[in-house]
Amino acid sequence: NNNAYQVERAKTITAAKRAAAKEAVDAASPSVLGDCDFVKGDFMKMPFEDNTFDAAYAIEATCHAPVAEEIYKEMLRVVKPGGLVAIYEWCLTDKYD
């Protein structure tokens, strides 16, 4: 999960980066810059309709889900059929800490 400060910081940084990129590639199509936004929400109950995204990713986040299977179901719910889900997590075992 994130907090309001993190969301606002991400928006500010992204706006500055987007402005700098836009200056550099002003003649390029919008697909070069992408369409990005940041939303505060509960990753166990994402505020998006089913089949909204082409892809979703999580980096060192799903390990914080109260029920691991439910976050995976939620990610699959918001990704369109045939879309991609990528997850990167640390894995701790008794053998490696």
Protein backbone atom coordinates (compact mmCIF):
# COMPACT_ATOMS: atom_id res chain seq x y z
CA ASN A 1 0.00 0.00 0.00
CA ASN A 2 1.04 3.61 -0.37
CA ASN A 3 0.18 6.87 1.31
CA ALA A 4 -0.95 10.27 0.01
CA TYR A 5 2.60 11.68 0.16
CA GLN A 6 3.93 8.85 -2.03
CA VAL A 7 1.14 9.34 -4.58
CA GLU A 8 1.71 13.12 -4.77
CA ARG A 9 5.50 12.64 -4.97
CA ALA A 10 5.06 10.14 -7.81
CA LYS A 11 2.76 12.55 -9.67
CA THR A 12 5.24 15.43 -9.25
CA ILE A 13 8.23 13.41 -10.40
CA THR A 14 6.31 11.90 -13.30
CA ALA A 15 5.04 15.32 -14.43
CA ALA A 16 8.59 16.72 -14.41
CA LYS A 17 9.97 13.71 -16.29
CA ARG A 18 7.10 13.82 -18.77
CA ALA A 19 7.67 17.55 -19.39
CA ALA A 20 11.39 16.99 -19.99
CA ALA A 21 10.68 14.06 -22.29
CA LYS A 22 8.03 16.03 -24.16
CA GLU A 23 10.52 18.81 -24.89
CA ALA A 24 12.97 16.24 -26.24
CA VAL A 25 10.47 14.38 -28.39
CA ASP A 26 7.80 16.97 -29.09
CA ALA A 27 7.22 15.67 -32.59
CA ALA A 28 6.83 12.04 -31.45
CA SER A 29 3.48 10.28 -31.18
CA PRO A 30 1.78 10.08 -27.75
CA SER A 31 2.66 6.39 -27.55
CA VAL A 32 6.30 7.35 -27.04
CA LEU A 33 5.51 9.11 -23.76
CA GLY A 34 2.82 6.74 -22.62
CA ASP A 35 -0.22 7.47 -20.52
CA CYS A 36 0.49 7.05 -16.82
CA ASP A 37 -1.32 7.93 -13.62
CA PHE A 38 -0.97 7.05 -9.94
CA VAL A 39 -3.86 6.00 -7.74
CA LYS A 40 -4.00 5.40 -4.00
CA GLY A 41 -5.88 2.25 -3.25
CA ASP A 42 -6.00 -1.08 -1.48
CA PHE A 43 -4.22 -3.65 -3.61
CA MET A 44 -6.56 -6.31 -2.26
CA LYS A 45 -9.58 -4.36 -3.62
CA MET A 46 -8.28 -2.33 -6.57
CA PRO A 47 -10.56 0.54 -7.62
CA PHE A 48 -10.69 -0.60 -11.26
CA GLU A 49 -13.20 -2.45 -13.40
CA ASP A 50 -12.55 -6.03 -14.47
CA ASN A 51 -10.31 -6.42 -17.55
CA THR A 52 -9.02 -2.82 -17.43
CA PHE A 53 -5.29 -3.25 -18.09
CA ASP A 54 -3.11 -4.94 -20.68
CA ALA A 55 -0.58 -5.78 -17.97
CA ALA A 56 0.08 -5.47 -14.24
CA TYR A 57 3.19 -5.83 -12.12
CA ALA A 58 4.16 -5.99 -8.47
CA ILE A 59 7.63 -5.43 -7.05
CA GLU A 60 8.22 -6.58 -3.48
CA ALA A 61 4.57 -5.99 -2.61
CA THR A 62 2.55 -9.20 -2.76
CA CYS A 63 4.40 -10.61 0.25
CA HIS A 64 2.48 -8.03 2.33
CA ALA A 65 -0.94 -9.35 1.29
CA PRO A 66 -2.92 -10.85 4.16
CA VAL A 67 -3.86 -13.77 1.89
CA ALA A 68 -1.40 -14.35 -0.95
CA GLU A 69 -3.85 -16.10 -3.26
CA GLU A 70 -6.27 -13.17 -3.07
CA ILE A 71 -3.80 -10.58 -4.38
CA TYR A 72 -3.02 -12.81 -7.35
CA LYS A 73 -6.74 -13.19 -8.04
CA GLU A 74 -7.14 -9.41 -7.81
CA MET A 75 -4.29 -8.78 -10.25
CA LEU A 76 -5.78 -11.26 -12.71
CA ARG A 77 -9.21 -9.63 -12.29
CA VAL A 78 -8.03 -6.21 -13.49
CA VAL A 79 -5.87 -7.54 -16.35
CA LYS A 80 -7.55 -8.22 -19.70
CA PRO A 81 -7.75 -11.83 -20.91
CA GLY A 82 -4.42 -12.71 -22.49
CA GLY A 83 -2.71 -9.85 -20.60
CA LEU A 84 0.49 -10.12 -18.62
CA VAL A 85 1.17 -10.21 -14.88
CA ALA A 86 4.76 -9.91 -13.64
CA ILE A 87 5.76 -10.31 -10.00
CA TYR A 88 9.16 -9.90 -8.34
CA GLU A 89 9.52 -10.91 -4.69
CA TRP A 90 12.16 -11.81 -2.19
CA CYS A 91 11.98 -15.41 -1.09
CA LEU A 92 13.21 -16.33 2.37
CA THR A 93 13.58 -19.90 3.47
CA ASP A 94 15.07 -21.67 6.46
CA LYS A 95 18.14 -22.30 4.32
CA TYR A 96 18.61 -18.71 3.11
CA ASP A 97 17.76 -15.56 5.08
